[in-house]
């Protein structure tokens, strides 16, 4: 059995009782980082777990090797924060398990996407989730150019160290749109910036942070 377990986005207390029960009773924890996963579990009094790593460097062979574990044991899949399978390699493991008819159950929790939308103060009946833009410059430029054709709200996310680059991309390609930027959701230094891109850039006080960006409808 594979359990897809959502973990806190920021504050470690924002985890469901069911998630803690699954993590306590599972045989194996598959995670992006053993350091982050063990830190979370220890904070909730859970120790002595066996860990396996599934991250962006995992090969197809690495992922395939995890499938028998899910068939034979109770396995919890976690990410460093948020819901596994959402813009991370956990989706590959879920697909492989489903192909082998191994039961996969969701253990729902916090959602950065819904957190972003709820902070917008606008009713957004439609939006386009673009997620992570390509890292390579030419591919990134092509993706951004294509996005400029979209008039609906757009949700973008990227790694913390590309925060300033992403905002500059918005200035270059979406200078006429309004934005909502969330930084470090649910943490003590949570910050929400809204307005034109120049206002957001001028209000930024950090070089990197966990972030999500909402481009309001044209």
C-alpha atoms as a PDB file:
ATOM      1  CA  UNK A   1       0.000   0.000   0.000  1.00  0.00           C
ATOM      2  CA  UNK A   2       1.278   3.472  -0.915  1.00  0.00           C
ATOM      3  CA  UNK A   3       0.013   6.423   1.107  1.00  0.00           C
ATOM      4  CA  UNK A   4       0.481   9.864  -0.456  1.00  0.00           C
ATOM      5  CA  UNK A   5       0.926  12.013   2.638  1.00  0.00           C
ATOM      6  CA  UNK A   6       0.758  15.812   2.579  1.00  0.00           C
ATOM      7  CA  UNK A   7       3.165  17.527   4.979  1.00  0.00           C
ATOM      8  CA  UNK A   8       3.174  21.100   6.332  1.00  0.00           C
ATOM      9  CA  UNK A   9       4.068  23.924   3.984  1.00  0.00           C
ATOM     10  CA  UNK A  10       5.554  25.948   6.831  1.00  0.00           C
ATOM     11  CA  UNK A  11       4.402  25.553  10.435  1.00  0.00           C
ATOM     12  CA  UNK A  12       5.093  21.934  11.467  1.00  0.00           C
ATOM     13  CA  UNK A  13       1.870  21.782  13.463  1.00  0.00           C
ATOM     14  CA  UNK A  14      -0.195  22.083  10.287  1.00  0.00           C
ATOM     15  CA  UNK A  15      -0.440  18.365   9.674  1.00  0.00           C
ATOM     16  CA  UNK A  16      -3.513  16.168   9.933  1.00  0.00           C
ATOM     17  CA  UNK A  17      -4.023  13.605  12.669  1.00  0.00           C
ATOM     18  CA  UNK A  18      -4.498  10.980   9.968  1.00  0.00           C
ATOM     19  CA  UNK A  19      -1.153  11.888   8.392  1.00  0.00           C
ATOM     20  CA  UNK A  20       0.562  11.430  11.759  1.00  0.00           C
ATOM     21  CA  UNK A  21      -1.155   8.073  12.224  1.00  0.00           C
ATOM     22  CA  UNK A  22      -0.015   6.863   8.800  1.00  0.00           C
ATOM     23  CA  UNK A  23       3.552   8.074   9.385  1.00  0.00           C
ATOM     24  CA  UNK A  24       3.650   6.422  12.797  1.00  0.00           C
ATOM     25  CA  UNK A  25       2.435   3.054  11.534  1.00  0.00           C
ATOM     26  CA  UNK A  26       4.091   2.812   8.118  1.00  0.00           C
ATOM     27  CA  UNK A  27       7.054   0.522   7.463  1.00  0.00           C
ATOM     28  CA  UNK A  28       8.925   2.817   5.069  1.00  0.00           C
ATOM     29  CA  UNK A  29       8.984   6.568   4.383  1.00  0.00           C
ATOM     30  CA  UNK A  30       9.859   7.630   0.832  1.00  0.00           C
ATOM     31  CA  UNK A  31      11.007  11.245   0.844  1.00  0.00           C
ATOM     32  CA  UNK A  32      12.865  13.952  -1.048  1.00  0.00           C
ATOM     33  CA  UNK A  33      15.288  14.523   1.815  1.00  0.00           C
ATOM     34  CA  UNK A  34      15.919  12.209   4.764  1.00  0.00           C
ATOM     35  CA  UNK A  35      17.073  15.251   6.740  1.00  0.00           C
ATOM     36  CA  UNK A  36      13.798  17.115   6.253  1.00  0.00           C
ATOM     37  CA  UNK A  37      11.581  14.061   6.668  1.00  0.00           C
ATOM     38  CA  UNK A  38      13.261  12.832   9.854  1.00  0.00           C
ATOM     39  CA  UNK A  39      13.178  16.362  11.266  1.00  0.00           C
ATOM     40  CA  UNK A  40       9.408  16.524  10.744  1.00  0.00           C
ATOM     41  CA  UNK A  41       8.784  13.076  12.171  1.00  0.00           C
ATOM     42  CA  UNK A  42      10.976  13.709  15.217  1.00  0.00           C
ATOM     43  CA  UNK A  43       9.060  16.918  15.895  1.00  0.00           C
ATOM     44  CA  UNK A  44       5.950  14.759  16.245  1.00  0.00           C
ATOM     45  CA  UNK A  45       7.630  12.048  18.316  1.00  0.00           C
ATOM     46  CA  UNK A  46       8.069   9.545  15.476  1.00  0.00           C
ATOM     47  CA  UNK A  47      11.448   7.835  15.255  1.00  0.00           C
ATOM     48  CA  UNK A  48      13.072   4.619  14.063  1.00  0.00           C
ATOM     49  CA  UNK A  49      11.776   4.751  10.494  1.00  0.00           C
ATOM     50  CA  UNK A  50      13.369   3.316   7.359  1.00  0.00           C
ATOM     51  CA  UNK A  51      13.830   5.946   4.657  1.00  0.00           C
ATOM     52  CA  UNK A  52      14.141   5.758   0.875  1.00  0.00           C
ATOM     53  CA  UNK A  53      14.869   8.771  -1.317  1.00  0.00           C
ATOM     54  CA  UNK A  54      12.862   9.866  -4.348  1.00  0.00           C
ATOM     55  CA  UNK A  55      13.890  13.235  -5.759  1.00  0.00           C
ATOM     56  CA  UNK A  56      14.616  15.035  -9.021  1.00  0.00           C
ATOM     57  CA  UNK A  57      17.850  13.037  -9.397  1.00  0.00           C
ATOM     58  CA  UNK A  58      16.149   9.633  -9.129  1.00  0.00           C
ATOM     59  CA  UNK A  59      16.498   7.549 -12.288  1.00  0.00           C
ATOM     60  CA  UNK A  60      13.732   5.412 -13.817  1.00  0.00           C
ATOM     61  CA  UNK A  61      15.546   2.413 -12.297  1.00  0.00           C
ATOM     62  CA  UNK A  62      15.498   4.051  -8.860  1.00  0.00           C
ATOM     63  CA  UNK A  63      11.765   4.619  -9.127  1.00  0.00           C
ATOM     64  CA  UNK A  64      11.079   1.086 -10.354  1.00  0.00           C
ATOM     65  CA  UNK A  65      13.016  -0.320  -7.393  1.00  0.00           C
ATOM     66  CA  UNK A  66      10.584   1.374  -4.990  1.00  0.00           C
ATOM     67  CA  UNK A  67       7.531  -0.335  -6.455  1.00  0.00           C
ATOM     68  CA  UNK A  68       8.095  -3.771  -4.812  1.00  0.00           C
ATOM     69  CA  UNK A  69       8.374  -1.999  -1.445  1.00  0.00           C
ATOM     70  CA  UNK A  70       4.937  -0.503  -1.988  1.00  0.00           C
ATOM     71  CA  UNK A  71       3.568  -3.925  -2.898  1.00  0.00           C
ATOM     72  CA  UNK A  72       5.000  -5.653   0.165  1.00  0.00           C
ATOM     73  CA  UNK A  73       4.836  -2.992   2.891  1.00  0.00           C
ATOM     74  CA  UNK A  74       2.892   0.008   4.081  1.00  0.00           C
ATOM     75  CA  UNK A  75       4.769   2.943   2.550  1.00  0.00           C
ATOM     76  CA  UNK A  76       4.301   6.671   3.145  1.00  0.00           C
ATOM     77  CA  UNK A  77       5.344   9.019   0.341  1.00  0.00           C
ATOM     78  CA  UNK A  78       6.149  12.560   1.485  1.00  0.00           C
ATOM     79  CA  UNK A  79       7.735  15.639  -0.005  1.00  0.00           C
ATOM     80  CA  UNK A  80       9.703  18.335   1.815  1.00  0.00           C
ATOM     81  CA  UNK A  81       6.491  20.361   2.067  1.00  0.00           C
ATOM     82  CA  UNK A  82       3.025  20.182   0.604  1.00  0.00           C
ATOM     83  CA  UNK A  83       1.447  17.355  -1.356  1.00  0.00           C
ATOM     84  CA  UNK A  84       3.565  14.666  -3.067  1.00  0.00           C
ATOM     85  CA  UNK A  85       2.987  14.161  -6.768  1.00  0.00           C
ATOM     86  CA  UNK A  86       2.310  17.867  -7.283  1.00  0.00           C
ATOM     87  CA  UNK A  87       5.194  19.061  -9.478  1.00  0.00           C
ATOM     88  CA  UNK A  88       7.577  16.426  -8.136  1.00  0.00           C
ATOM     89  CA  UNK A  89       8.707  12.872  -9.002  1.00  0.00           C
ATOM     90  CA  UNK A  90       6.182  11.338  -6.620  1.00  0.00           C
ATOM     91  CA  UNK A  91       3.752  11.324  -9.532  1.00  0.00           C
ATOM     92  CA  UNK A  92       5.939   8.753 -11.289  1.00  0.00           C
ATOM     93  CA  UNK A  93       5.788   6.378  -8.331  1.00  0.00           C
ATOM     94  CA  UNK A  94       2.015   6.739  -8.076  1.00  0.00           C
ATOM     95  CA  UNK A  95       1.703   5.881 -11.778  1.00  0.00           C
ATOM     96  CA  UNK A  96       4.006   2.856 -11.483  1.00  0.00           C
ATOM     97  CA  UNK A  97       2.083   1.527  -8.487  1.00  0.00           C
ATOM     98  CA  UNK A  98      -1.235   1.970 -10.229  1.00  0.00           C
ATOM     99  CA  UNK A  99       0.092   0.079 -13.249  1.00  0.00           C
ATOM    100  CA  UNK A 100       0.898  -2.824 -10.903  1.00  0.00           C
ATOM    101  CA  UNK A 101      -2.519  -2.582  -9.208  1.00  0.00           C
ATOM    102  CA  UNK A 102      -0.892  -1.588  -5.930  1.00  0.00           C
ATOM    103  CA  UNK A 103      -3.394   0.398  -3.828  1.00  0.00           C
ATOM    104  CA  UNK A 104      -2.627   4.118  -3.561  1.00  0.00           C
ATOM    105  CA  UNK A 105      -4.422   6.204  -0.944  1.00  0.00           C
ATOM    106  CA  UNK A 106      -4.366   9.954  -0.456  1.00  0.00           C
ATOM    107  CA  UNK A 107      -3.768  11.519   2.958  1.00  0.00           C
ATOM    108  CA  UNK A 108      -4.786  15.088   2.246  1.00  0.00           C
ATOM    109  CA  UNK A 109      -3.391  18.173   3.906  1.00  0.00           C
ATOM    110  CA  UNK A 110      -2.259  21.732   3.270  1.00  0.00           C
ATOM    111  CA  UNK A 111      -2.245  23.099  -0.274  1.00  0.00           C
ATOM    112  CA  UNK A 112       0.008  25.961  -1.341  1.00  0.00           C
ATOM    113  CA  UNK A 113      -2.087  26.395  -4.486  1.00  0.00           C
ATOM    114  CA  UNK A 114      -5.343  26.861  -2.582  1.00  0.00           C
ATOM    115  CA  UNK A 115      -3.495  29.026  -0.084  1.00  0.00           C
ATOM    116  CA  UNK A 116      -2.405  31.332  -2.894  1.00  0.00           C
ATOM    117  CA  UNK A 117      -5.874  31.523  -4.437  1.00  0.00           C
ATOM    118  CA  UNK A 118      -7.554  32.151  -1.082  1.00  0.00           C
ATOM    119  CA  UNK A 119      -5.267  35.121  -0.428  1.00  0.00           C
ATOM    120  CA  UNK A 120      -6.090  36.784  -3.734  1.00  0.00           C
ATOM    121  CA  UNK A 121      -9.322  38.375  -2.522  1.00  0.00           C
ATOM    122  CA  UNK A 122     -10.810  37.761  -5.942  1.00  0.00           C
ATOM    123  CA  UNK A 123     -13.192  35.155  -7.234  1.00  0.00           C
ATOM    124  CA  UNK A 124     -11.228  33.249  -9.852  1.00  0.00           C
ATOM    125  CA  UNK A 125     -13.555  30.798 -11.554  1.00  0.00           C
ATOM    126  CA  UNK A 126     -10.833  29.849 -14.027  1.00  0.00           C
ATOM    127  CA  UNK A 127      -7.070  29.842 -13.912  1.00  0.00           C
ATOM    128  CA  UNK A 128      -4.161  28.224 -15.717  1.00  0.00           C
ATOM    129  CA  UNK A 129      -1.672  26.351 -13.563  1.00  0.00           C
ATOM    130  CA  UNK A 130       1.672  26.667 -15.360  1.00  0.00           C
ATOM    131  CA  UNK A 131       3.785  25.505 -12.413  1.00  0.00           C
ATOM    132  CA  UNK A 132       7.544  25.439 -12.882  1.00  0.00           C
ATOM    133  CA  UNK A 133       8.889  27.303 -15.889  1.00  0.00           C
ATOM    134  CA  UNK A 134      11.848  25.745 -17.753  1.00  0.00           C
ATOM    135  CA  UNK A 135      15.221  26.559 -16.208  1.00  0.00           C
ATOM    136  CA  UNK A 136      17.085  26.779 -19.528  1.00  0.00           C
ATOM    137  CA  UNK A 137      16.998  30.333 -20.895  1.00  0.00           C
ATOM    138  CA  UNK A 138      15.759  29.682 -24.439  1.00  0.00           C
ATOM    139  CA  UNK A 139      13.062  27.224 -23.386  1.00  0.00           C
ATOM    140  CA  UNK A 140      12.021  29.589 -20.605  1.00  0.00           C
ATOM    141  CA  UNK A 141      11.722  32.499 -23.049  1.00  0.00           C
ATOM    142  CA  UNK A 142       9.577  30.407 -25.401  1.00  0.00           C
ATOM    143  CA  UNK A 143       7.304  29.325 -22.541  1.00  0.00           C
ATOM    144  CA  UNK A 144       6.879  32.900 -21.336  1.00  0.00           C
ATOM    145  CA  UNK A 145       6.121  34.151 -24.845  1.00  0.00           C
ATOM    146  CA  UNK A 146       3.434  31.489 -25.194  1.00  0.00           C
ATOM    147  CA  UNK A 147       1.956  32.433 -21.819  1.00  0.00           C
ATOM    148  CA  UNK A 148       1.515  36.056 -22.876  1.00  0.00           C
ATOM    149  CA  UNK A 149      -1.337  34.865 -25.109  1.00  0.00           C
ATOM    150  CA  UNK A 150      -3.271  33.645 -22.058  1.00  0.00           C
ATOM    151  CA  UNK A 151      -5.847  36.101 -20.702  1.00  0.00           C
ATOM    152  CA  UNK A 152      -6.994  34.022 -17.722  1.00  0.00           C
ATOM    153  CA  UNK A 153      -5.286  34.047 -14.337  1.00  0.00           C
ATOM    154  CA  UNK A 154      -1.975  32.145 -14.346  1.00  0.00           C
ATOM    155  CA  UNK A 155      -0.262  30.429 -11.429  1.00  0.00           C
ATOM    156  CA  UNK A 156       3.529  30.112 -11.549  1.00  0.00           C
ATOM    157  CA  UNK A 157       5.943  28.549  -9.102  1.00  0.00           C
ATOM    158  CA  UNK A 158       9.690  27.972  -9.155  1.00  0.00           C
ATOM    159  CA  UNK A 159      12.594  27.138  -6.909  1.00  0.00           C
ATOM    160  CA  UNK A 160      13.462  29.682  -4.182  1.00  0.00           C
ATOM    161  CA  UNK A 161      16.710  30.773  -5.799  1.00  0.00           C
ATOM    162  CA  UNK A 162      14.881  31.782  -8.999  1.00  0.00           C
ATOM    163  CA  UNK A 163      12.589  34.233  -7.210  1.00  0.00           C
ATOM    164  CA  UNK A 164      14.227  37.393  -8.539  1.00  0.00           C
ATOM    165  CA  UNK A 165      14.692  35.921 -12.013  1.00  0.00           C
ATOM    166  CA  UNK A 166      11.002  35.034 -12.166  1.00  0.00           C
ATOM    167  CA  UNK A 167       9.962  38.525 -11.137  1.00  0.00           C
ATOM    168  CA  UNK A 168      12.222  39.994 -13.799  1.00  0.00           C
ATOM    169  CA  UNK A 169      10.610  37.639 -16.321  1.00  0.00           C
ATOM    170  CA  UNK A 170       7.223  39.021 -15.288  1.00  0.00           C
ATOM    171  CA  UNK A 171       8.479  42.576 -15.759  1.00  0.00           C
ATOM    172  CA  UNK A 172       9.744  41.685 -19.242  1.00  0.00           C
ATOM    173  CA  UNK A 173       6.646  39.803 -20.408  1.00  0.00           C
ATOM    174  CA  UNK A 174       3.650  40.842 -18.260  1.00  0.00           C
ATOM    175  CA  UNK A 175       4.324  44.476 -17.377  1.00  0.00           C
ATOM    176  CA  UNK A 176       0.650  45.426 -17.832  1.00  0.00           C
ATOM    177  CA  UNK A 177      -0.763  42.725 -15.545  1.00  0.00           C
ATOM    178  CA  UNK A 178      -1.388  42.769 -11.791  1.00  0.00           C
ATOM    179  CA  UNK A 179       0.226  40.149  -9.527  1.00  0.00           C
ATOM    180  CA  UNK A 180      -0.066  38.439  -6.181  1.00  0.00           C
ATOM    181  CA  UNK A 181       3.157  37.043  -4.733  1.00  0.00           C
ATOM    182  CA  UNK A 182       3.217  34.811  -1.644  1.00  0.00           C
ATOM    183  CA  UNK A 183       6.480  34.105   0.168  1.00  0.00           C
ATOM    184  CA  UNK A 184       7.020  31.383   2.793  1.00  0.00           C
ATOM    185  CA  UNK A 185       3.342  30.557   3.252  1.00  0.00           C
ATOM    186  CA  UNK A 186       2.375  29.526   6.791  1.00  0.00           C
ATOM    187  CA  UNK A 187       5.770  30.441   8.231  1.00  0.00           C
ATOM    188  CA  UNK A 188       6.494  33.235  10.693  1.00  0.00           C
ATOM    189  CA  UNK A 189       7.943  35.390   7.920  1.00  0.00           C
ATOM    190  CA  UNK A 190       4.996  34.809   5.556  1.00  0.00           C
ATOM    191  CA  UNK A 191       4.741  37.759   3.167  1.00  0.00           C
ATOM    192  CA  UNK A 192       2.057  38.661   0.639  1.00  0.00           C
ATOM    193  CA  UNK A 193       2.707  41.323  -1.997  1.00  0.00           C
ATOM    194  CA  UNK A 194       0.098  42.509  -4.482  1.00  0.00           C
ATOM    195  CA  UNK A 195       0.051  45.002  -7.315  1.00  0.00           C
ATOM    196  CA  UNK A 196       2.012  45.956 -10.399  1.00  0.00           C
ATOM    197  CA  UNK A 197       5.290  44.139 -10.938  1.00  0.00           C
ATOM    198  CA  UNK A 198       7.406  47.225 -10.163  1.00  0.00           C
ATOM    199  CA  UNK A 199       5.638  47.582  -6.812  1.00  0.00           C
ATOM    200  CA  UNK A 200       6.256  43.922  -5.982  1.00  0.00           C
ATOM    201  CA  UNK A 201       9.935  44.087  -6.947  1.00  0.00           C
ATOM    202  CA  UNK A 202      10.460  47.238  -4.904  1.00  0.00           C
ATOM    203  CA  UNK A 203       8.706  45.675  -1.908  1.00  0.00           C
ATOM    204  CA  UNK A 204      10.821  42.515  -1.968  1.00  0.00           C
ATOM    205  CA  UNK A 205      13.121  42.182   1.043  1.00  0.00           C
ATOM    206  CA  UNK A 206      14.702  38.784   0.367  1.00  0.00           C
ATOM    207  CA  UNK A 207      16.772  37.226  -2.397  1.00  0.00           C
ATOM    208  CA  UNK A 208      15.161  33.798  -2.181  1.00  0.00           C
ATOM    209  CA  UNK A 209      12.101  32.215  -0.583  1.00  0.00           C
ATOM    210  CA  UNK A 210       9.508  29.533  -1.170  1.00  0.00           C
ATOM    211  CA  UNK A 211       7.076  31.357  -3.431  1.00  0.00           C
ATOM    212  CA  UNK A 212       4.033  31.176  -5.641  1.00  0.00           C
ATOM    213  CA  UNK A 213       2.982  33.847  -8.102  1.00  0.00           C
ATOM    214  CA  UNK A 214      -0.489  34.611  -9.364  1.00  0.00           C
ATOM    215  CA  UNK A 215      -0.848  36.684 -12.529  1.00  0.00           C
ATOM    216  CA  UNK A 216      -4.312  38.224 -12.408  1.00  0.00           C
ATOM    217  CA  UNK A 217      -6.555  38.016 -15.483  1.00  0.00           C
ATOM    218  CA  UNK A 218      -5.865  40.521 -18.247  1.00  0.00           C
END
